[in-house]
Structure formats: structure tokens, C-alpha cells
Amino acid sequence: MRSRKVKGVFVVYGVFEGVSLDKMEIHGNALTQFPETASLPALRELVFSDNIISELSDTAFRKNPKLTLLEMSGNPITKVGSSTFAYLPNLKKL
């Protein structure tokens, strides 16, 4: 596994390979960037509130097509890509 430091947070590539998570909570971790590296196709709920994320790229959720709930309050988000939510056909609560 290789890792990369993302402004104070280590993201380990491949750490979730073969894991089937339904819900992930990464709130209150002082994340400054959204970690787009997790390929979690079964993920339905993602909570990353109360971090310091200011930007969401166009591909932020492309590896999480089954998301129905996305909680991101408490982040100073000022920039969202034009197709950030295009990969989320099942999203019901934002």
C-alpha cells in the first residue's frame, strides 16, 4: 500500500479494497481536502461534517454510486464542481 499526506491527514491507497462498507463517518477530523481515493461502491451513507473542507471536485463521489445520504455540514465549502453530484443517482438527502 502506498500513502499520501493530504494536508495533515494520511490517505492510504487501497486500504478499503475488498471492504464492503454501508456507512462511513469521518466527521470532526480536521480534513482540509475530501479524500477521493476510497472506492466503496456499496457505501450508502457518508458523513464528513465538521471538517475544514472548502472544495469538492467533479469526481469527488464517482466511486460511490449508491450514496443515498451525504452529510457535509460544518465545512466551509466555497467551490463545488459542476458535475460533483452527477455520479449519485440515488442521493436522497444532502
PDB file of N, CA and C in Angstrom:
ATOM      1  N   MET A   1       0.829  -1.182   0.000  1.00  0.00           N
ATOM      2  CA  MET A   1       0.000   0.000   0.000  1.00  0.00           C
ATOM      3  C   MET A   1       0.869   1.238   0.000  1.00  0.00           C
ATOM      4  N   ARG A   2       0.469   2.207  -0.767  1.00  0.00           N
ATOM      5  CA  ARG A   2       1.184   3.469  -0.737  1.00  0.00           C
ATOM      6  C   ARG A   2       0.286   4.497  -0.066  1.00  0.00           C
ATOM      7  N   SER A   3       0.884   5.504   0.511  1.00  0.00           N
ATOM      8  CA  SER A   3       0.088   6.528   1.174  1.00  0.00           C
ATOM      9  C   SER A   3       0.523   7.900   0.719  1.00  0.00           C
ATOM     10  N   ARG A   4      -0.316   8.863   0.986  1.00  0.00           N
ATOM     11  CA  ARG A   4      -0.051  10.241   0.605  1.00  0.00           C
ATOM     12  C   ARG A   4      -0.588  11.118   1.718  1.00  0.00           C
ATOM     13  N   LYS A   5       0.185  12.093   2.125  1.00  0.00           N
ATOM     14  CA  LYS A   5      -0.269  13.005   3.160  1.00  0.00           C
ATOM     15  C   LYS A   5      -1.094  14.114   2.515  1.00  0.00           C
ATOM     16  N   VAL A   6      -2.318  14.278   2.984  1.00  0.00           N
ATOM     17  CA  VAL A   6      -3.218  15.288   2.449  1.00  0.00           C
ATOM     18  C   VAL A   6      -3.380  16.365   3.508  1.00  0.00           C
ATOM     19  N   LYS A   7      -2.504  17.353   3.467  1.00  0.00           N
ATOM     20  CA  LYS A   7      -2.558  18.490   4.389  1.00  0.00           C
ATOM     21  C   LYS A   7      -2.864  18.052   5.816  1.00  0.00           C
ATOM     22  N   GLY A   8      -2.022  17.226   6.372  1.00  0.00           N
ATOM     23  CA  GLY A   8      -2.159  16.835   7.764  1.00  0.00           C
ATOM     24  C   GLY A   8      -2.868  15.508   7.987  1.00  0.00           C
ATOM     25  N   VAL A   9      -3.390  14.897   6.928  1.00  0.00           N
ATOM     26  CA  VAL A   9      -4.103  13.633   7.063  1.00  0.00           C
ATOM     27  C   VAL A   9      -3.494  12.632   6.091  1.00  0.00           C
ATOM     28  N   PHE A  10      -3.197  11.445   6.559  1.00  0.00           N
ATOM     29  CA  PHE A  10      -2.663  10.420   5.675  1.00  0.00           C
ATOM     30  C   PHE A  10      -3.802   9.644   5.032  1.00  0.00           C
ATOM     31  N   VAL A  11      -3.753   9.513   3.719  1.00  0.00           N
ATOM     32  CA  VAL A  11      -4.714   8.711   2.982  1.00  0.00           C
ATOM     33  C   VAL A  11      -3.951   7.512   2.450  1.00  0.00           C
ATOM     34  N   VAL A  12      -4.383   6.334   2.797  1.00  0.00           N
ATOM     35  CA  VAL A  12      -3.704   5.121   2.373  1.00  0.00           C
ATOM     36  C   VAL A  12      -4.460   4.526   1.197  1.00  0.00           C
ATOM     37  N   TYR A  13      -3.788   4.451   0.058  1.00  0.00           N
ATOM     38  CA  TYR A  13      -4.405   3.897  -1.139  1.00  0.00           C
ATOM     39  C   TYR A  13      -4.613   2.399  -0.976  1.00  0.00           C
ATOM     40  N   GLY A  14      -5.768   1.927  -1.375  1.00  0.00           N
ATOM     41  CA  GLY A  14      -6.053   0.504  -1.328  1.00  0.00           C
ATOM     42  C   GLY A  14      -6.518   0.010   0.032  1.00  0.00           C
ATOM     43  N   VAL A  15      -6.605   0.894   1.022  1.00  0.00           N
ATOM     44  CA  VAL A  15      -6.977   0.457   2.363  1.00  0.00           C
ATOM     45  C   VAL A  15      -8.393  -0.117   2.409  1.00  0.00           C
ATOM     46  N   PHE A  16      -9.278   0.324   1.530  1.00  0.00           N
ATOM     47  CA  PHE A  16     -10.646  -0.171   1.539  1.00  0.00           C
ATOM     48  C   PHE A  16     -10.924  -1.211   0.455  1.00  0.00           C
ATOM     49  N   GLU A  17      -9.916  -1.648  -0.262  1.00  0.00           N
ATOM     50  CA  GLU A  17     -10.109  -2.639  -1.320  1.00  0.00           C
ATOM     51  C   GLU A  17     -10.706  -3.916  -0.729  1.00  0.00           C
ATOM     52  N   GLY A  18     -11.775  -4.387  -1.317  1.00  0.00           N
ATOM     53  CA  GLY A  18     -12.412  -5.617  -0.867  1.00  0.00           C
ATOM     54  C   GLY A  18     -13.309  -5.434   0.352  1.00  0.00           C
ATOM     55  N   VAL A  19     -13.400  -4.219   0.872  1.00  0.00           N
ATOM     56  CA  VAL A  19     -14.242  -3.942   2.036  1.00  0.00           C
ATOM     57  C   VAL A  19     -15.594  -3.438   1.544  1.00  0.00           C
ATOM     58  N   SER A  20     -16.653  -3.930   2.157  1.00  0.00           N
ATOM     59  CA  SER A  20     -17.991  -3.500   1.775  1.00  0.00           C
ATOM     60  C   SER A  20     -18.596  -2.703   2.930  1.00  0.00           C
ATOM     61  N   LEU A  21     -18.428  -1.398   2.881  1.00  0.00           N
ATOM     62  CA  LEU A  21     -18.973  -0.525   3.915  1.00  0.00           C
ATOM     63  C   LEU A  21     -20.305   0.040   3.461  1.00  0.00           C
ATOM     64  N   ASP A  22     -21.248   0.111   4.389  1.00  0.00           N
ATOM     65  CA  ASP A  22     -22.559   0.683   4.123  1.00  0.00           C
ATOM     66  C   ASP A  22     -22.602   2.137   4.586  1.00  0.00           C
ATOM     67  N   LYS A  23     -21.861   2.431   5.669  1.00  0.00           N
ATOM     68  CA  LYS A  23     -21.859   3.774   6.249  1.00  0.00           C
ATOM     69  C   LYS A  23     -20.454   4.145   6.685  1.00  0.00           C
ATOM     70  N   MET A  24     -20.051   5.391   6.422  1.00  0.00           N
ATOM     71  CA  MET A  24     -18.741   5.868   6.842  1.00  0.00           C
ATOM     72  C   MET A  24     -18.908   7.252   7.472  1.00  0.00           C
ATOM     73  N   GLU A  25     -18.324   7.407   8.657  1.00  0.00           N
ATOM     74  CA  GLU A  25     -18.365   8.691   9.354  1.00  0.00           C
ATOM     75  C   GLU A  25     -16.933   9.167   9.570  1.00  0.00           C
ATOM     76  N   ILE A  26     -16.588  10.266   8.931  1.00  0.00           N
ATOM     77  CA  ILE A  26     -15.254  10.848   9.087  1.00  0.00           C
ATOM     78  C   ILE A  26     -15.406  12.318   9.483  1.00  0.00           C
ATOM     79  N   HIS A  27     -16.351  12.563  10.384  1.00  0.00           N
ATOM     80  CA  HIS A  27     -16.619  13.933  10.811  1.00  0.00           C
ATOM     81  C   HIS A  27     -15.677  14.356  11.933  1.00  0.00           C
ATOM     82  N   GLY A  28     -15.413  15.651  11.988  1.00  0.00           N
ATOM     83  CA  GLY A  28     -14.589  16.217  13.049  1.00  0.00           C
ATOM     84  C   GLY A  28     -13.141  15.778  13.045  1.00  0.00           C
ATOM     85  N   ASN A  29     -12.564  15.581  11.867  1.00  0.00           N
ATOM     86  CA  ASN A  29     -11.180  15.113  11.755  1.00  0.00           C
ATOM     87  C   ASN A  29     -10.215  16.155  11.201  1.00  0.00           C
ATOM     88  N   ALA A  30     -10.638  17.385  11.082  1.00  0.00           N
ATOM     89  CA  ALA A  30      -9.801  18.469  10.552  1.00  0.00           C
ATOM     90  C   ALA A  30      -9.301  18.197   9.136  1.00  0.00           C
ATOM     91  N   LEU A  31     -10.088  17.456   8.333  1.00  0.00           N
ATOM     92  CA  LEU A  31      -9.729  17.215   6.938  1.00  0.00           C
ATOM     93  C   LEU A  31      -9.831  18.521   6.173  1.00  0.00           C
ATOM     94  N   THR A  32      -8.831  18.816   5.370  1.00  0.00           N
ATOM     95  CA  THR A  32      -8.851  20.030   4.563  1.00  0.00           C
ATOM     96  C   THR A  32      -9.201  19.738   3.112  1.00  0.00           C
ATOM     97  N   GLN A  33      -9.121  18.474   2.710  1.00  0.00           N
ATOM     98  CA  GLN A  33      -9.485  18.056   1.360  1.00  0.00           C
ATOM     99  C   GLN A  33     -10.309  16.786   1.467  1.00  0.00           C
ATOM    100  N   PHE A  34     -11.255  16.649   0.555  1.00  0.00           N
ATOM    101  CA  PHE A  34     -12.061  15.435   0.537  1.00  0.00           C
ATOM    102  C   PHE A  34     -11.227  14.296  -0.032  1.00  0.00           C
ATOM    103  N   PRO A  35     -11.087  13.178   0.703  1.00  0.00           N
ATOM    104  CA  PRO A  35     -10.275  12.052   0.208  1.00  0.00           C
ATOM    105  C   PRO A  35     -11.021  11.239  -0.842  1.00  0.00           C
ATOM    106  N   GLU A  36     -10.716  11.481  -2.096  1.00  0.00           N
ATOM    107  CA  GLU A  36     -11.406  10.816  -3.209  1.00  0.00           C
ATOM    108  C   GLU A  36     -10.866   9.425  -3.512  1.00  0.00           C
ATOM    109  N   THR A  37      -9.990   8.919  -2.699  1.00  0.00           N
ATOM    110  CA  THR A  37      -9.299   7.686  -3.036  1.00  0.00           C
ATOM    111  C   THR A  37     -10.083   6.424  -2.696  1.00  0.00           C
ATOM    112  N   ALA A  38     -11.101   6.529  -1.875  1.00  0.00           N
ATOM    113  CA  ALA A  38     -11.815   5.331  -1.443  1.00  0.00           C
ATOM    114  C   ALA A  38     -12.811   4.859  -2.499  1.00  0.00           C
ATOM    115  N   SER A  39     -12.621   3.635  -2.961  1.00  0.00           N
ATOM    116  CA  SER A  39     -13.561   3.024  -3.882  1.00  0.00           C
ATOM    117  C   SER A  39     -14.487   2.146  -3.044  1.00  0.00           C
ATOM    118  N   LEU A  40     -15.634   2.693  -2.713  1.00  0.00           N
ATOM    119  CA  LEU A  40     -16.595   1.998  -1.867  1.00  0.00           C
ATOM    120  C   LEU A  40     -17.946   1.960  -2.584  1.00  0.00           C
ATOM    121  N   PRO A  41     -18.092   1.066  -3.549  1.00  0.00           N
ATOM    122  CA  PRO A  41     -19.309   1.054  -4.351  1.00  0.00           C
ATOM    123  C   PRO A  41     -20.583   0.712  -3.580  1.00  0.00           C
ATOM    124  N   ALA A  42     -20.484   0.099  -2.397  1.00  0.00           N
ATOM    125  CA  ALA A  42     -21.673  -0.247  -1.610  1.00  0.00           C
ATOM    126  C   ALA A  42     -22.040   0.836  -0.597  1.00  0.00           C
ATOM    127  N   LEU A  43     -21.230   1.870  -0.486  1.00  0.00           N
ATOM    128  CA  LEU A  43     -21.451   2.924   0.505  1.00  0.00           C
ATOM    129  C   LEU A  43     -22.769   3.645   0.254  1.00  0.00           C
ATOM    130  N   ARG A  44     -23.604   3.716   1.294  1.00  0.00           N
ATOM    131  CA  ARG A  44     -24.905   4.377   1.174  1.00  0.00           C
ATOM    132  C   ARG A  44     -24.978   5.678   1.972  1.00  0.00           C
ATOM    133  N   GLU A  45     -24.217   5.758   3.059  1.00  0.00           N
ATOM    134  CA  GLU A  45     -24.237   6.962   3.887  1.00  0.00           C
ATOM    135  C   GLU A  45     -22.808   7.427   4.146  1.00  0.00           C
ATOM    136  N   LEU A  46     -22.569   8.706   3.894  1.00  0.00           N
ATOM    137  CA  LEU A  46     -21.249   9.283   4.113  1.00  0.00           C
ATOM    138  C   LEU A  46     -21.402  10.574   4.907  1.00  0.00           C
ATOM    139  N   VAL A  47     -20.760  10.613   6.073  1.00  0.00           N
ATOM    140  CA  VAL A  47     -20.809  11.784   6.936  1.00  0.00           C
ATOM    141  C   VAL A  47     -19.390  12.324   7.072  1.00  0.00           C
ATOM    142  N   PHE A  48     -19.166  13.528   6.552  1.00  0.00           N
ATOM    143  CA  PHE A  48     -17.859  14.159   6.711  1.00  0.00           C
ATOM    144  C   PHE A  48     -18.027  15.606   7.171  1.00  0.00           C
ATOM    145  N   SER A  49     -18.987  15.791   8.061  1.00  0.00           N
ATOM    146  CA  SER A  49     -19.270  17.114   8.616  1.00  0.00           C
ATOM    147  C   SER A  49     -18.177  17.558   9.590  1.00  0.00           C
ATOM    148  N   ASP A  50     -18.193  18.851   9.875  1.00  0.00           N
ATOM    149  CA  ASP A  50     -17.286  19.455  10.855  1.00  0.00           C
ATOM    150  C   ASP A  50     -15.804  19.190  10.575  1.00  0.00           C
ATOM    151  N   ASN A  51     -15.416  19.367   9.341  1.00  0.00           N
ATOM    152  CA  ASN A  51     -14.011  19.342   8.936  1.00  0.00           C
ATOM    153  C   ASN A  51     -13.688  20.732   8.397  1.00  0.00           C
ATOM    154  N   ILE A  52     -12.632  20.886   7.635  1.00  0.00           N
ATOM    155  CA  ILE A  52     -12.290  22.188   7.066  1.00  0.00           C
ATOM    156  C   ILE A  52     -12.163  22.081   5.545  1.00  0.00           C
ATOM    157  N   ILE A  53     -13.056  21.307   4.964  1.00  0.00           N
ATOM    158  CA  ILE A  53     -13.056  21.079   3.517  1.00  0.00           C
ATOM    159  C   ILE A  53     -13.723  22.273   2.837  1.00  0.00           C
ATOM    160  N   SER A  54     -13.030  22.872   1.877  1.00  0.00           N
ATOM    161  CA  SER A  54     -13.574  24.047   1.202  1.00  0.00           C
ATOM    162  C   SER A  54     -13.924  23.785  -0.261  1.00  0.00           C
ATOM    163  N   GLU A  55     -13.569  22.612  -0.769  1.00  0.00           N
ATOM    164  CA  GLU A  55     -13.759  22.349  -2.192  1.00  0.00           C
ATOM    165  C   GLU A  55     -14.131  20.889  -2.430  1.00  0.00           C
ATOM    166  N   LEU A  56     -15.058  20.664  -3.361  1.00  0.00           N
ATOM    167  CA  LEU A  56     -15.426  19.319  -3.796  1.00  0.00           C
ATOM    168  C   LEU A  56     -15.249  19.265  -5.310  1.00  0.00           C
ATOM    169  N   SER A  57     -14.417  18.370  -5.774  1.00  0.00           N
ATOM    170  CA  SER A  57     -14.135  18.285  -7.211  1.00  0.00           C
ATOM    171  C   SER A  57     -15.274  17.589  -7.962  1.00  0.00           C
ATOM    172  N   ASP A  58     -15.202  17.631  -9.271  1.00  0.00           N
ATOM    173  CA  ASP A  58     -16.193  16.972 -10.125  1.00  0.00           C
ATOM    174  C   ASP A  58     -16.254  15.462  -9.887  1.00  0.00           C
ATOM    175  N   THR A  59     -15.155  14.866  -9.463  1.00  0.00           N
ATOM    176  CA  THR A  59     -15.090  13.404  -9.309  1.00  0.00           C
ATOM    177  C   THR A  59     -15.113  12.947  -7.847  1.00  0.00           C
ATOM    178  N   ALA A  60     -15.480  13.826  -6.934  1.00  0.00           N
ATOM    179  CA  ALA A  60     -15.431  13.505  -5.504  1.00  0.00           C
ATOM    180  C   ALA A  60     -16.170  12.218  -5.141  1.00  0.00           C
ATOM    181  N   PHE A  61     -17.309  11.956  -5.763  1.00  0.00           N
ATOM    182  CA  PHE A  61     -18.129  10.811  -5.364  1.00  0.00           C
ATOM    183  C   PHE A  61     -18.300   9.774  -6.479  1.00  0.00           C
ATOM    184  N   ARG A  62     -17.460   9.822  -7.494  1.00  0.00           N
ATOM    185  CA  ARG A  62     -17.639   8.919  -8.644  1.00  0.00           C
ATOM    186  C   ARG A  62     -17.472   7.446  -8.302  1.00  0.00           C
ATOM    187  N   LYS A  63     -16.784   7.133  -7.209  1.00  0.00           N
ATOM    188  CA  LYS A  63     -16.582   5.738  -6.820  1.00  0.00           C
ATOM    189  C   LYS A  63     -17.582   5.284  -5.758  1.00  0.00           C
ATOM    190  N   ASN A  64     -18.607   6.102  -5.525  1.00  0.00           N
ATOM    191  CA  ASN A  64     -19.611   5.803  -4.504  1.00  0.00           C
ATOM    192  C   ASN A  64     -21.023   5.982  -5.072  1.00  0.00           C
ATOM    193  N   PRO A  65     -21.391   5.231  -6.108  1.00  0.00           N
ATOM    194  CA  PRO A  65     -22.646   5.470  -6.818  1.00  0.00           C
ATOM    195  C   PRO A  65     -23.920   5.157  -6.038  1.00  0.00           C
ATOM    196  N   LYS A  66     -23.831   4.429  -4.933  1.00  0.00           N
ATOM    197  CA  LYS A  66     -25.029   4.052  -4.187  1.00  0.00           C
ATOM    198  C   LYS A  66     -25.356   4.995  -3.031  1.00  0.00           C
ATOM    199  N   LEU A  67     -24.606   6.082  -2.908  1.00  0.00           N
ATOM    200  CA  LEU A  67     -24.856   7.020  -1.815  1.00  0.00           C
ATOM    201  C   LEU A  67     -26.294   7.531  -1.849  1.00  0.00           C
ATOM    202  N   THR A  68     -26.960   7.440  -0.694  1.00  0.00           N
ATOM    203  CA  THR A  68     -28.303   7.992  -0.561  1.00  0.00           C
ATOM    204  C   THR A  68     -28.301   9.168   0.401  1.00  0.00           C
ATOM    205  N   LEU A  69     -27.311   9.216   1.304  1.00  0.00           N
ATOM    206  CA  LEU A  69     -27.207  10.301   2.276  1.00  0.00           C
ATOM    207  C   LEU A  69     -25.796  10.852   2.273  1.00  0.00           C
ATOM    208  N   LEU A  70     -25.701  12.151   2.212  1.00  0.00           N
ATOM    209  CA  LEU A  70     -24.418  12.843   2.215  1.00  0.00           C
ATOM    210  C   LEU A  70     -24.523  13.990   3.208  1.00  0.00           C
ATOM    211  N   GLU A  71     -23.794  13.902   4.313  1.00  0.00           N
ATOM    212  CA  GLU A  71     -23.826  14.932   5.360  1.00  0.00           C
ATOM    213  C   GLU A  71     -22.492  15.644   5.375  1.00  0.00           C
ATOM    214  N   MET A  72     -22.500  16.928   5.039  1.00  0.00           N
ATOM    215  CA  MET A  72     -21.240  17.664   4.964  1.00  0.00           C
ATOM    216  C   MET A  72     -21.336  19.041   5.615  1.00  0.00           C
ATOM    217  N   SER A  73     -22.276  19.202   6.537  1.00  0.00           N
ATOM    218  CA  SER A  73     -22.428  20.489   7.226  1.00  0.00           C
ATOM    219  C   SER A  73     -21.198  20.787   8.075  1.00  0.00           C
ATOM    220  N   GLY A  74     -20.994  22.047   8.375  1.00  0.00           N
ATOM    221  CA  GLY A  74     -19.870  22.440   9.205  1.00  0.00           C
ATOM    222  C   GLY A  74     -18.545  22.516   8.472  1.00  0.00           C
ATOM    223  N   ASN A  75     -18.580  22.460   7.145  1.00  0.00           N
ATOM    224  CA  ASN A  75     -17.388  22.628   6.313  1.00  0.00           C
ATOM    225  C   ASN A  75     -17.513  23.968   5.590  1.00  0.00           C
ATOM    226  N   PRO A  76     -16.428  24.708   5.441  1.00  0.00           N
ATOM    227  CA  PRO A  76     -16.501  25.992   4.728  1.00  0.00           C
ATOM    228  C   PRO A  76     -16.421  25.809   3.213  1.00  0.00           C
ATOM    229  N   ILE A  77     -17.328  25.022   2.653  1.00  0.00           N
ATOM    230  CA  ILE A  77     -17.296  24.702   1.226  1.00  0.00           C
ATOM    231  C   ILE A  77     -17.661  25.942   0.408  1.00  0.00           C
ATOM    232  N   THR A  78     -16.733  26.347  -0.450  1.00  0.00           N
ATOM    233  CA  THR A  78     -16.953  27.519  -1.298  1.00  0.00           C
ATOM    234  C   THR A  78     -16.918  27.177  -2.783  1.00  0.00           C
ATOM    235  N   LYS A  79     -16.430  25.977  -3.109  1.00  0.00           N
ATOM    236  CA  LYS A  79     -16.329  25.598  -4.518  1.00  0.00           C
ATOM    237  C   LYS A  79     -16.797  24.152  -4.693  1.00  0.00           C
ATOM    238  N   VAL A  80     -17.750  23.972  -5.613  1.00  0.00           N
ATOM    239  CA  VAL A  80     -18.286  22.648  -5.933  1.00  0.00           C
ATOM    240  C   VAL A  80     -18.234  22.504  -7.441  1.00  0.00           C
ATOM    241  N   GLY A  81     -17.666  21.406  -7.917  1.00  0.00           N
ATOM    242  CA  GLY A  81     -17.574  21.171  -9.354  1.00  0.00           C
ATOM    243  C   GLY A  81     -18.949  21.082  -9.993  1.00  0.00           C
ATOM    244  N   SER A  82     -19.030  21.405 -11.269  1.00  0.00           N
ATOM    245  CA  SER A  82     -20.320  21.420 -11.967  1.00  0.00           C
ATOM    246  C   SER A  82     -20.957  20.037 -12.072  1.00  0.00           C
ATOM    247  N   SER A  83     -20.151  18.975 -11.977  1.00  0.00           N
ATOM    248  CA  SER A  83     -20.722  17.620 -12.054  1.00  0.00           C
ATOM    249  C   SER A  83     -20.402  16.793 -10.803  1.00  0.00           C
ATOM    250  N   THR A  84     -20.167  17.473  -9.685  1.00  0.00           N
ATOM    251  CA  THR A  84     -19.834  16.785  -8.433  1.00  0.00           C
ATOM    252  C   THR A  84     -20.875  15.737  -8.055  1.00  0.00           C
ATOM    253  N   PHE A  85     -22.145  16.038  -8.232  1.00  0.00           N
ATOM    254  CA  PHE A  85     -23.205  15.122  -7.810  1.00  0.00           C
ATOM    255  C   PHE A  85     -23.761  14.274  -8.957  1.00  0.00           C
ATOM    256  N   ALA A  86     -23.165  14.366 -10.128  1.00  0.00           N
ATOM    257  CA  ALA A  86     -23.639  13.625 -11.300  1.00  0.00           C
ATOM    258  C   ALA A  86     -23.530  12.113 -11.139  1.00  0.00           C
ATOM    259  N   TYR A  87     -22.626  11.657 -10.287  1.00  0.00           N
ATOM    260  CA  TYR A  87     -22.410  10.217 -10.103  1.00  0.00           C
ATOM    261  C   TYR A  87     -23.286   9.644  -8.996  1.00  0.00           C
ATOM    262  N   LEU A  88     -24.230  10.408  -8.504  1.00  0.00           N
ATOM    263  CA  LEU A  88     -25.063   9.989  -7.370  1.00  0.00           C
ATOM    264  C   LEU A  88     -26.543   9.927  -7.736  1.00  0.00           C
ATOM    265  N   PRO A  89     -26.938   8.961  -8.549  1.00  0.00           N
ATOM    266  CA  PRO A  89     -28.330   8.889  -8.972  1.00  0.00           C
ATOM    267  C   PRO A  89     -29.304   8.513  -7.843  1.00  0.00           C
ATOM    268  N   ASN A  90     -28.805   7.950  -6.740  1.00  0.00           N
ATOM    269  CA  ASN A  90     -29.657   7.507  -5.640  1.00  0.00           C
ATOM    270  C   ASN A  90     -29.694   8.481  -4.464  1.00  0.00           C
ATOM    271  N   LEU A  91     -29.016   9.618  -4.591  1.00  0.00           N
ATOM    272  CA  LEU A  91     -28.925  10.572  -3.485  1.00  0.00           C
ATOM    273  C   LEU A  91     -30.306  11.117  -3.131  1.00  0.00           C
ATOM    274  N   LYS A  92     -30.677  10.976  -1.841  1.00  0.00           N
ATOM    275  CA  LYS A  92     -31.970  11.431  -1.364  1.00  0.00           C
ATOM    276  C   LYS A  92     -31.844  12.563  -0.358  1.00  0.00           C
ATOM    277  N   LYS A  93     -30.753  12.572   0.408  1.00  0.00           N
ATOM    278  CA  LYS A  93     -30.601  13.597   1.430  1.00  0.00           C
ATOM    279  C   LYS A  93     -29.199  14.197   1.362  1.00  0.00           C
ATOM    280  N   LEU A  94     -29.162  15.499   1.222  1.00  0.00           N
ATOM    281  CA  LEU A  94     -27.909  16.246   1.132  1.00  0.00           C
ATOM    282  C   LEU A  94     -27.856  17.240   2.267  1.00  0.00           C
TER     283      LEU A  94
END
